[in-house]
Amino acid sequence: MSDAEQQRSQDVEPKAEDANAPINIKVTTQTGDEVFFKIKRNTKLSKLQGAYANKVGKDVSSIRFLYDGNRIQEEDTPASLDMEDNDTIDVMVEQVGGLA
């Protein structure tokens, strides 16, 4: 590999990430709709949840947010969940089940 090629490959490698650097998060619905957010790693995800609910015109208490199959708690942050840039959060409409 030439020096120029080696330099380019080093430029592509991610730098040591700033502890609170912003990351991009994709929120995906069951129907495949996607909404993108850019938030800092130490920002509570409850703030993102509120912003999403406002954007789609729903009450935040009527929808649930999941990351890697686990429900996101109010105190969770991207850093606490070890989220990476371009990770996806799934959003579900809360369903109240009952006996048939």
PDB file of N, CA and C in Angstrom:
ATOM      1  N   MET A   1       0.846  -1.170   0.000  1.00  0.00           N
ATOM      2  CA  MET A   1       0.000   0.000   0.000  1.00  0.00           C
ATOM      3  C   MET A   1       0.893   1.235   0.000  1.00  0.00           C
ATOM      4  N   SER A   2       0.554   2.190  -0.851  1.00  0.00           N
ATOM      5  CA  SER A   2       1.352   3.404  -0.906  1.00  0.00           C
ATOM      6  C   SER A   2       1.062   4.264   0.316  1.00  0.00           C
ATOM      7  N   ASP A   3       1.915   5.272   0.524  1.00  0.00           N
ATOM      8  CA  ASP A   3       1.723   6.164   1.667  1.00  0.00           C
ATOM      9  C   ASP A   3       0.383   6.903   1.565  1.00  0.00           C
ATOM     10  N   ALA A   4       0.002   7.296   0.333  1.00  0.00           N
ATOM     11  CA  ALA A   4      -1.255   8.029   0.147  1.00  0.00           C
ATOM     12  C   ALA A   4      -2.445   7.136   0.490  1.00  0.00           C
ATOM     13  N   GLU A   5      -2.413   5.871   0.041  1.00  0.00           N
ATOM     14  CA  GLU A   5      -3.503   4.948   0.349  1.00  0.00           C
ATOM     15  C   GLU A   5      -3.586   4.682   1.849  1.00  0.00           C
ATOM     16  N   GLN A   6      -2.447   4.521   2.471  1.00  0.00           N
ATOM     17  CA  GLN A   6      -2.403   4.255   3.899  1.00  0.00           C
ATOM     18  C   GLN A   6      -2.968   5.460   4.672  1.00  0.00           C
ATOM     19  N   GLN A   7      -2.639   6.673   4.233  1.00  0.00           N
ATOM     20  CA  GLN A   7      -3.140   7.879   4.885  1.00  0.00           C
ATOM     21  C   GLN A   7      -4.662   7.960   4.761  1.00  0.00           C
ATOM     22  N   ARG A   8      -5.205   7.640   3.550  1.00  0.00           N
ATOM     23  CA  ARG A   8      -6.651   7.682   3.355  1.00  0.00           C
ATOM     24  C   ARG A   8      -7.352   6.675   4.255  1.00  0.00           C
ATOM     25  N   SER A   9      -6.803   5.472   4.394  1.00  0.00           N
ATOM     26  CA  SER A   9      -7.453   4.460   5.216  1.00  0.00           C
ATOM     27  C   SER A   9      -7.431   4.876   6.688  1.00  0.00           C
ATOM     28  N   GLN A  10      -6.399   5.603   7.097  1.00  0.00           N
ATOM     29  CA  GLN A  10      -6.348   6.073   8.477  1.00  0.00           C
ATOM     30  C   GLN A  10      -7.375   7.182   8.708  1.00  0.00           C
ATOM     31  N   ASP A  11      -7.638   7.998   7.691  1.00  0.00           N
ATOM     32  CA  ASP A  11      -8.617   9.073   7.817  1.00  0.00           C
ATOM     33  C   ASP A  11     -10.026   8.512   8.009  1.00  0.00           C
ATOM     34  N   VAL A  12     -10.303   7.338   7.434  1.00  0.00           N
ATOM     35  CA  VAL A  12     -11.630   6.743   7.500  1.00  0.00           C
ATOM     36  C   VAL A  12     -11.891   6.131   8.875  1.00  0.00           C
ATOM     37  N   GLU A  13     -10.852   5.669   9.542  1.00  0.00           N
ATOM     38  CA  GLU A  13     -11.037   5.037  10.845  1.00  0.00           C
ATOM     39  C   GLU A  13     -11.607   6.054  11.830  1.00  0.00           C
ATOM     40  N   PRO A  14     -12.577   5.604  12.655  1.00  0.00           N
ATOM     41  CA  PRO A  14     -13.155   6.550  13.607  1.00  0.00           C
ATOM     42  C   PRO A  14     -12.141   6.974  14.654  1.00  0.00           C
ATOM     43  N   LYS A  15     -12.218   8.235  15.013  1.00  0.00           N
ATOM     44  CA  LYS A  15     -11.345   8.740  16.071  1.00  0.00           C
ATOM     45  C   LYS A  15     -11.920   8.279  17.399  1.00  0.00           C
ATOM     46  N   ALA A  16     -11.143   8.365  18.442  1.00  0.00           N
ATOM     47  CA  ALA A  16     -11.667   8.065  19.774  1.00  0.00           C
ATOM     48  C   ALA A  16     -12.820   9.030  20.002  1.00  0.00           C
ATOM     49  N   GLU A  17     -14.000   8.467  20.274  1.00  0.00           N
ATOM     50  CA  GLU A  17     -15.195   9.295  20.327  1.00  0.00           C
ATOM     51  C   GLU A  17     -15.234  10.142  21.593  1.00  0.00           C
ATOM     52  N   ASP A  18     -15.660  11.366  21.409  1.00  0.00           N
ATOM     53  CA  ASP A  18     -15.892  12.259  22.534  1.00  0.00           C
ATOM     54  C   ASP A  18     -17.005  11.637  23.377  1.00  0.00           C
ATOM     55  N   ALA A  19     -16.861  11.681  24.676  1.00  0.00           N
ATOM     56  CA  ALA A  19     -17.817  11.032  25.575  1.00  0.00           C
ATOM     57  C   ALA A  19     -19.239  11.547  25.382  1.00  0.00           C
ATOM     58  N   ASN A  20     -19.389  12.783  24.922  1.00  0.00           N
ATOM     59  CA  ASN A  20     -20.731  13.323  24.738  1.00  0.00           C
ATOM     60  C   ASN A  20     -20.955  13.789  23.294  1.00  0.00           C
ATOM     61  N   ALA A  21     -20.232  13.191  22.356  1.00  0.00           N
ATOM     62  CA  ALA A  21     -20.385  13.562  20.954  1.00  0.00           C
ATOM     63  C   ALA A  21     -21.787  13.187  20.473  1.00  0.00           C
ATOM     64  N   PRO A  22     -22.374  13.989  19.604  1.00  0.00           N
ATOM     65  CA  PRO A  22     -23.708  13.653  19.105  1.00  0.00           C
ATOM     66  C   PRO A  22     -23.678  12.400  18.235  1.00  0.00           C
ATOM     67  N   ILE A  23     -24.758  11.635  18.304  1.00  0.00           N
ATOM     68  CA  ILE A  23     -24.901  10.469  17.438  1.00  0.00           C
ATOM     69  C   ILE A  23     -26.257  10.552  16.747  1.00  0.00           C
ATOM     70  N   ASN A  24     -26.376   9.865  15.627  1.00  0.00           N
ATOM     71  CA  ASN A  24     -27.624   9.808  14.886  1.00  0.00           C
ATOM     72  C   ASN A  24     -28.400   8.574  15.320  1.00  0.00           C
ATOM     73  N   ILE A  25     -29.678   8.752  15.603  1.00  0.00           N
ATOM     74  CA  ILE A  25     -30.549   7.665  16.026  1.00  0.00           C
ATOM     75  C   ILE A  25     -31.730   7.615  15.067  1.00  0.00           C
ATOM     76  N   LYS A  26     -32.073   6.415  14.626  1.00  0.00           N
ATOM     77  CA  LYS A  26     -33.225   6.237  13.745  1.00  0.00           C
ATOM     78  C   LYS A  26     -34.349   5.609  14.565  1.00  0.00           C
ATOM     79  N   VAL A  27     -35.528   6.212  14.534  1.00  0.00           N
ATOM     80  CA  VAL A  27     -36.702   5.663  15.205  1.00  0.00           C
ATOM     81  C   VAL A  27     -37.596   5.077  14.124  1.00  0.00           C
ATOM     82  N   THR A  28     -37.879   3.766  14.230  1.00  0.00           N
ATOM     83  CA  THR A  28     -38.618   3.052  13.200  1.00  0.00           C
ATOM     84  C   THR A  28     -39.924   2.506  13.751  1.00  0.00           C
ATOM     85  N   THR A  29     -41.021   2.710  13.013  1.00  0.00           N
ATOM     86  CA  THR A  29     -42.331   2.189  13.426  1.00  0.00           C
ATOM     87  C   THR A  29     -42.529   0.789  12.876  1.00  0.00           C
ATOM     88  N   GLN A  30     -43.618   0.158  13.313  1.00  0.00           N
ATOM     89  CA  GLN A  30     -43.960  -1.181  12.836  1.00  0.00           C
ATOM     90  C   GLN A  30     -44.276  -1.179  11.349  1.00  0.00           C
ATOM     91  N   THR A  31     -44.709  -0.031  10.819  1.00  0.00           N
ATOM     92  CA  THR A  31     -45.058   0.059   9.402  1.00  0.00           C
ATOM     93  C   THR A  31     -43.862   0.443   8.531  1.00  0.00           C
ATOM     94  N   GLY A  32     -42.701   0.644   9.168  1.00  0.00           N
ATOM     95  CA  GLY A  32     -41.496   0.961   8.411  1.00  0.00           C
ATOM     96  C   GLY A  32     -41.186   2.437   8.288  1.00  0.00           C
ATOM     97  N   ASP A  33     -42.042   3.288   8.868  1.00  0.00           N
ATOM     98  CA  ASP A  33     -41.756   4.729   8.842  1.00  0.00           C
ATOM     99  C   ASP A  33     -40.523   5.009   9.693  1.00  0.00           C
ATOM    100  N   GLU A  34     -39.693   5.940   9.240  1.00  0.00           N
ATOM    101  CA  GLU A  34     -38.458   6.256   9.949  1.00  0.00           C
ATOM    102  C   GLU A  34     -38.367   7.746  10.232  1.00  0.00           C
ATOM    103  N   VAL A  35     -37.918   8.073  11.441  1.00  0.00           N
ATOM    104  CA  VAL A  35     -37.657   9.457  11.829  1.00  0.00           C
ATOM    105  C   VAL A  35     -36.248   9.487  12.398  1.00  0.00           C
ATOM    106  N   PHE A  36     -35.457  10.467  11.976  1.00  0.00           N
ATOM    107  CA  PHE A  36     -34.063  10.537  12.396  1.00  0.00           C
ATOM    108  C   PHE A  36     -33.849  11.652  13.409  1.00  0.00           C
ATOM    109  N   PHE A  37     -33.022  11.363  14.395  1.00  0.00           N
ATOM    110  CA  PHE A  37     -32.675  12.344  15.423  1.00  0.00           C
ATOM    111  C   PHE A  37     -31.173  12.356  15.603  1.00  0.00           C
ATOM    112  N   LYS A  38     -30.650  13.501  15.988  1.00  0.00           N
ATOM    113  CA  LYS A  38     -29.235  13.633  16.344  1.00  0.00           C
ATOM    114  C   LYS A  38     -29.202  14.136  17.776  1.00  0.00           C
ATOM    115  N   ILE A  39     -28.678  13.314  18.683  1.00  0.00           N
ATOM    116  CA  ILE A  39     -28.650  13.700  20.088  1.00  0.00           C
ATOM    117  C   ILE A  39     -27.285  13.398  20.691  1.00  0.00           C
ATOM    118  N   LYS A  40     -26.994  14.069  21.786  1.00  0.00           N
ATOM    119  CA  LYS A  40     -25.739  13.814  22.487  1.00  0.00           C
ATOM    120  C   LYS A  40     -25.851  12.525  23.285  1.00  0.00           C
ATOM    121  N   ARG A  41     -24.712  11.908  23.529  1.00  0.00           N
ATOM    122  CA  ARG A  41     -24.683  10.613  24.210  1.00  0.00           C
ATOM    123  C   ARG A  41     -25.212  10.658  25.642  1.00  0.00           C
ATOM    124  N   ASN A  42     -25.135  11.824  26.290  1.00  0.00           N
ATOM    125  CA  ASN A  42     -25.588  11.911  27.677  1.00  0.00           C
ATOM    126  C   ASN A  42     -26.974  12.530  27.823  1.00  0.00           C
ATOM    127  N   THR A  43     -27.654  12.759  26.698  1.00  0.00           N
ATOM    128  CA  THR A  43     -29.014  13.291  26.733  1.00  0.00           C
ATOM    129  C   THR A  43     -29.979  12.152  27.049  1.00  0.00           C
ATOM    130  N   LYS A  44     -30.898  12.392  27.972  1.00  0.00           N
ATOM    131  CA  LYS A  44     -31.873  11.352  28.309  1.00  0.00           C
ATOM    132  C   LYS A  44     -32.747  11.057  27.097  1.00  0.00           C
ATOM    133  N   LEU A  45     -32.985   9.777  26.868  1.00  0.00           N
ATOM    134  CA  LEU A  45     -33.795   9.386  25.719  1.00  0.00           C
ATOM    135  C   LEU A  45     -35.256   9.795  25.891  1.00  0.00           C
ATOM    136  N   SER A  46     -35.659  10.145  27.108  1.00  0.00           N
ATOM    137  CA  SER A  46     -37.028  10.636  27.305  1.00  0.00           C
ATOM    138  C   SER A  46     -37.249  11.925  26.510  1.00  0.00           C
ATOM    139  N   LYS A  47     -36.191  12.701  26.321  1.00  0.00           N
ATOM    140  CA  LYS A  47     -36.284  13.926  25.519  1.00  0.00           C
ATOM    141  C   LYS A  47     -36.546  13.574  24.052  1.00  0.00           C
ATOM    142  N   LEU A  48     -35.867  12.561  23.539  1.00  0.00           N
ATOM    143  CA  LEU A  48     -36.090  12.087  22.173  1.00  0.00           C
ATOM    144  C   LEU A  48     -37.506  11.536  22.042  1.00  0.00           C
ATOM    145  N   GLN A  49     -37.978  10.813  23.055  1.00  0.00           N
ATOM    146  CA  GLN A  49     -39.319  10.242  23.010  1.00  0.00           C
ATOM    147  C   GLN A  49     -40.380  11.339  22.914  1.00  0.00           C
ATOM    148  N   GLY A  50     -40.199  12.396  23.698  1.00  0.00           N
ATOM    149  CA  GLY A  50     -41.129  13.520  23.642  1.00  0.00           C
ATOM    150  C   GLY A  50     -41.120  14.202  22.291  1.00  0.00           C
ATOM    151  N   ALA A  51     -39.928  14.384  21.740  1.00  0.00           N
ATOM    152  CA  ALA A  51     -39.803  15.026  20.421  1.00  0.00           C
ATOM    153  C   ALA A  51     -40.467  14.171  19.346  1.00  0.00           C
ATOM    154  N   TYR A  52     -40.289  12.849  19.438  1.00  0.00           N
ATOM    155  CA  TYR A  52     -40.901  11.945  18.459  1.00  0.00           C
ATOM    156  C   TYR A  52     -42.430  12.018  18.572  1.00  0.00           C
ATOM    157  N   ALA A  53     -42.938  11.959  19.797  1.00  0.00           N
ATOM    158  CA  ALA A  53     -44.391  11.992  20.004  1.00  0.00           C
ATOM    159  C   ALA A  53     -44.987  13.282  19.438  1.00  0.00           C
ATOM    160  N   ASN A  54     -44.311  14.424  19.671  1.00  0.00           N
ATOM    161  CA  ASN A  54     -44.785  15.693  19.111  1.00  0.00           C
ATOM    162  C   ASN A  54     -44.781  15.667  17.599  1.00  0.00           C
ATOM    163  N   LYS A  55     -43.747  15.081  17.025  1.00  0.00           N
ATOM    164  CA  LYS A  55     -43.598  15.057  15.568  1.00  0.00           C
ATOM    165  C   LYS A  55     -44.705  14.238  14.904  1.00  0.00           C
ATOM    166  N   VAL A  56     -45.096  13.121  15.529  1.00  0.00           N
ATOM    167  CA  VAL A  56     -46.110  12.263  14.921  1.00  0.00           C
ATOM    168  C   VAL A  56     -47.514  12.539  15.459  1.00  0.00           C
ATOM    169  N   GLY A  57     -47.615  13.479  16.416  1.00  0.00           N
ATOM    170  CA  GLY A  57     -48.925  13.860  16.922  1.00  0.00           C
ATOM    171  C   GLY A  57     -49.564  12.833  17.839  1.00  0.00           C
ATOM    172  N   LYS A  58     -48.762  12.117  18.608  1.00  0.00           N
ATOM    173  CA  LYS A  58     -49.291  11.131  19.556  1.00  0.00           C
ATOM    174  C   LYS A  58     -48.881  11.520  20.968  1.00  0.00           C
ATOM    175  N   ASP A  59     -49.617  10.989  21.932  1.00  0.00           N
ATOM    176  CA  ASP A  59     -49.261  11.193  23.336  1.00  0.00           C
ATOM    177  C   ASP A  59     -48.113  10.246  23.667  1.00  0.00           C
ATOM    178  N   VAL A  60     -47.062  10.754  24.310  1.00  0.00           N
ATOM    179  CA  VAL A  60     -45.877   9.940  24.602  1.00  0.00           C
ATOM    180  C   VAL A  60     -46.231   8.730  25.466  1.00  0.00           C
ATOM    181  N   SER A  61     -47.299   8.829  26.260  1.00  0.00           N
ATOM    182  CA  SER A  61     -47.681   7.692  27.109  1.00  0.00           C
ATOM    183  C   SER A  61     -48.380   6.585  26.327  1.00  0.00           C
ATOM    184  N   SER A  62     -48.752   6.861  25.080  1.00  0.00           N
ATOM    185  CA  SER A  62     -49.455   5.845  24.284  1.00  0.00           C
ATOM    186  C   SER A  62     -48.514   5.056  23.375  1.00  0.00           C
ATOM    187  N   ILE A  63     -47.229   5.378  23.417  1.00  0.00           N
ATOM    188  CA  ILE A  63     -46.267   4.654  22.580  1.00  0.00           C
ATOM    189  C   ILE A  63     -45.104   4.150  23.430  1.00  0.00           C
ATOM    190  N   ARG A  64     -44.485   3.067  22.981  1.00  0.00           N
ATOM    191  CA  ARG A  64     -43.376   2.450  23.699  1.00  0.00           C
ATOM    192  C   ARG A  64     -42.158   2.410  22.786  1.00  0.00           C
ATOM    193  N   PHE A  65     -40.991   2.632  23.387  1.00  0.00           N
ATOM    194  CA  PHE A  65     -39.739   2.664  22.649  1.00  0.00           C
ATOM    195  C   PHE A  65     -38.867   1.495  23.101  1.00  0.00           C
ATOM    196  N   LEU A  66     -38.335   0.754  22.120  1.00  0.00           N
ATOM    197  CA  LEU A  66     -37.515  -0.418  22.417  1.00  0.00           C
ATOM    198  C   LEU A  66     -36.161  -0.292  21.742  1.00  0.00           C
ATOM    199  N   TYR A  67     -35.124  -0.687  22.474  1.00  0.00           N
ATOM    200  CA  TYR A  67     -33.780  -0.749  21.898  1.00  0.00           C
ATOM    201  C   TYR A  67     -33.255  -2.146  22.162  1.00  0.00           C
ATOM    202  N   ASP A  68     -32.867  -2.847  21.114  1.00  0.00           N
ATOM    203  CA  ASP A  68     -32.421  -4.246  21.209  1.00  0.00           C
ATOM    204  C   ASP A  68     -33.448  -5.104  21.944  1.00  0.00           C
ATOM    205  N   GLY A  69     -34.731  -4.829  21.712  1.00  0.00           N
ATOM    206  CA  GLY A  69     -35.798  -5.630  22.301  1.00  0.00           C
ATOM    207  C   GLY A  69     -36.148  -5.272  23.730  1.00  0.00           C
ATOM    208  N   ASN A  70     -35.430  -4.344  24.341  1.00  0.00           N
ATOM    209  CA  ASN A  70     -35.695  -3.939  25.717  1.00  0.00           C
ATOM    210  C   ASN A  70     -36.332  -2.556  25.746  1.00  0.00           C
ATOM    211  N   ARG A  71     -37.301  -2.390  26.624  1.00  0.00           N
ATOM    212  CA  ARG A  71     -37.989  -1.111  26.735  1.00  0.00           C
ATOM    213  C   ARG A  71     -37.038  -0.051  27.282  1.00  0.00           C
ATOM    214  N   ILE A  72     -37.055   1.114  26.665  1.00  0.00           N
ATOM    215  CA  ILE A  72     -36.206   2.224  27.101  1.00  0.00           C
ATOM    216  C   ILE A  72     -36.852   2.870  28.315  1.00  0.00           C
ATOM    217  N   GLN A  73     -36.065   3.035  29.356  1.00  0.00           N
ATOM    218  CA  GLN A  73     -36.544   3.652  30.597  1.00  0.00           C
ATOM    219  C   GLN A  73     -36.311   5.163  30.539  1.00  0.00           C
ATOM    220  N   GLU A  74     -37.000   5.888  31.388  1.00  0.00           N
ATOM    221  CA  GLU A  74     -36.943   7.348  31.368  1.00  0.00           C
ATOM    222  C   GLU A  74     -35.536   7.890  31.601  1.00  0.00           C
ATOM    223  N   GLU A  75     -34.746   7.214  32.428  1.00  0.00           N
ATOM    224  CA  GLU A  75     -33.404   7.693  32.773  1.00  0.00           C
ATOM    225  C   GLU A  75     -32.326   7.249  31.778  1.00  0.00           C
ATOM    226  N   ASP A  76     -32.669   6.392  30.816  1.00  0.00           N
ATOM    227  CA  ASP A  76     -31.670   5.862  29.883  1.00  0.00           C
ATOM    228  C   ASP A  76     -31.122   6.951  28.971  1.00  0.00           C
ATOM    229  N   THR A  77     -29.846   6.818  28.639  1.00  0.00           N
ATOM    230  CA  THR A  77     -29.184   7.691  27.668  1.00  0.00           C
ATOM    231  C   THR A  77     -28.524   6.799  26.627  1.00  0.00           C
ATOM    232  N   PRO A  78     -28.149   7.345  25.472  1.00  0.00           N
ATOM    233  CA  PRO A  78     -27.408   6.532  24.504  1.00  0.00           C
ATOM    234  C   PRO A  78     -26.142   5.928  25.118  1.00  0.00           C
ATOM    235  N   ALA A  79     -25.467   6.689  25.977  1.00  0.00           N
ATOM    236  CA  ALA A  79     -24.245   6.188  26.608  1.00  0.00           C
ATOM    237  C   ALA A  79     -24.552   5.018  27.536  1.00  0.00           C
ATOM    238  N   SER A  80     -25.624   5.121  28.321  1.00  0.00           N
ATOM    239  CA  SER A  80     -25.940   4.054  29.277  1.00  0.00           C
ATOM    240  C   SER A  80     -26.369   2.775  28.574  1.00  0.00           C
ATOM    241  N   LEU A  81     -26.879   2.897  27.346  1.00  0.00           N
ATOM    242  CA  LEU A  81     -27.302   1.716  26.574  1.00  0.00           C
ATOM    243  C   LEU A  81     -26.239   1.267  25.573  1.00  0.00           C
ATOM    244  N   ASP A  82     -25.066   1.888  25.621  1.00  0.00           N
ATOM    245  CA  ASP A  82     -23.971   1.580  24.682  1.00  0.00           C
ATOM    246  C   ASP A  82     -24.419   1.688  23.229  1.00  0.00           C
ATOM    247  N   MET A  83     -25.206   2.719  22.938  1.00  0.00           N
ATOM    248  CA  MET A  83     -25.671   2.923  21.566  1.00  0.00           C
ATOM    249  C   MET A  83     -24.541   3.478  20.715  1.00  0.00           C
ATOM    250  N   GLU A  84     -24.589   3.154  19.436  1.00  0.00           N
ATOM    251  CA  GLU A  84     -23.602   3.641  18.483  1.00  0.00           C
ATOM    252  C   GLU A  84     -24.301   4.503  17.444  1.00  0.00           C
ATOM    253  N   ASP A  85     -23.509   5.234  16.677  1.00  0.00           N
ATOM    254  CA  ASP A  85     -24.053   6.080  15.628  1.00  0.00           C
ATOM    255  C   ASP A  85     -24.887   5.238  14.665  1.00  0.00           C
ATOM    256  N   ASN A  86     -26.030   5.747  14.265  1.00  0.00           N
ATOM    257  CA  ASN A  86     -26.958   5.111  13.324  1.00  0.00           C
ATOM    258  C   ASN A  86     -27.682   3.895  13.894  1.00  0.00           C
ATOM    259  N   ASP A  87     -27.743   3.741  15.216  1.00  0.00           N
ATOM    260  CA  ASP A  87     -28.534   2.671  15.813  1.00  0.00           C
ATOM    261  C   ASP A  87     -30.019   2.977  15.632  1.00  0.00           C
ATOM    262  N   THR A  88     -30.838   1.927  15.797  1.00  0.00           N
ATOM    263  CA  THR A  88     -32.278   2.046  15.581  1.00  0.00           C
ATOM    264  C   THR A  88     -33.039   1.794  16.873  1.00  0.00           C
ATOM    265  N   ILE A  89     -34.021   2.637  17.122  1.00  0.00           N
ATOM    266  CA  ILE A  89     -34.971   2.434  18.207  1.00  0.00           C
ATOM    267  C   ILE A  89     -36.299   2.063  17.558  1.00  0.00           C
ATOM    268  N   ASP A  90     -36.932   1.003  18.057  1.00  0.00           N
ATOM    269  CA  ASP A  90     -38.238   0.595  17.546  1.00  0.00           C
ATOM    270  C   ASP A  90     -39.318   1.258  18.377  1.00  0.00           C
ATOM    271  N   VAL A  91     -40.362   1.721  17.716  1.00  0.00           N
ATOM    272  CA  VAL A  91     -41.486   2.352  18.427  1.00  0.00           C
ATOM    273  C   VAL A  91     -42.744   1.531  18.167  1.00  0.00           C
ATOM    274  N   MET A  92     -43.489   1.274  19.244  1.00  0.00           N
ATOM    275  CA  MET A  92     -44.708   0.472  19.168  1.00  0.00           C
ATOM    276  C   MET A  92     -45.854   1.262  19.793  1.00  0.00           C
ATOM    277  N   VAL A  93     -47.043   1.052  19.266  1.00  0.00           N
ATOM    278  CA  VAL A  93     -48.233   1.643  19.871  1.00  0.00           C
ATOM    279  C   VAL A  93     -48.599   0.762  21.056  1.00  0.00           C
ATOM    280  N   GLU A  94     -48.821   1.395  22.206  1.00  0.00           N
ATOM    281  CA  GLU A  94     -49.198   0.631  23.405  1.00  0.00           C
ATOM    282  C   GLU A  94     -50.516  -0.072  23.157  1.00  0.00           C
ATOM    283  N   GLN A  95     -50.548  -1.359  23.457  1.00  0.00           N
ATOM    284  CA  GLN A  95     -51.777  -2.124  23.304  1.00  0.00           C
ATOM    285  C   GLN A  95     -52.199  -2.627  24.667  1.00  0.00           C
ATOM    286  N   VAL A  96     -53.465  -2.442  24.957  1.00  0.00           N
ATOM    287  CA  VAL A  96     -54.002  -2.927  26.219  1.00  0.00           C
ATOM    288  C   VAL A  96     -54.697  -4.247  25.925  1.00  0.00           C
ATOM    289  N   GLY A  97     -54.153  -5.304  26.492  1.00  0.00           N
ATOM    290  CA  GLY A  97     -54.728  -6.617  26.242  1.00  0.00           C
ATOM    291  C   GLY A  97     -55.809  -6.946  27.270  1.00  0.00           C
ATOM    292  N   GLY A  98     -56.582  -7.920  26.949  1.00  0.00           N
ATOM    293  CA  GLY A  98     -57.629  -8.338  27.874  1.00  0.00           C
ATOM    294  C   GLY A  98     -57.994  -9.772  27.625  1.00  0.00           C
ATOM    295  N   LEU A  99     -58.913 -10.258  28.376  1.00  0.00           N
ATOM    296  CA  LEU A  99     -59.383 -11.620  28.195  1.00  0.00           C
ATOM    297  C   LEU A  99     -60.399 -11.650  27.081  1.00  0.00           C
ATOM    298  N   ALA A 100     -60.350 -12.709  26.310  1.00  0.00           N
ATOM    299  CA  ALA A 100     -61.281 -12.824  25.184  1.00  0.00           C
ATOM    300  C   ALA A 100     -62.581 -13.442  25.625  1.00  0.00           C
TER     301      ALA A 100
END
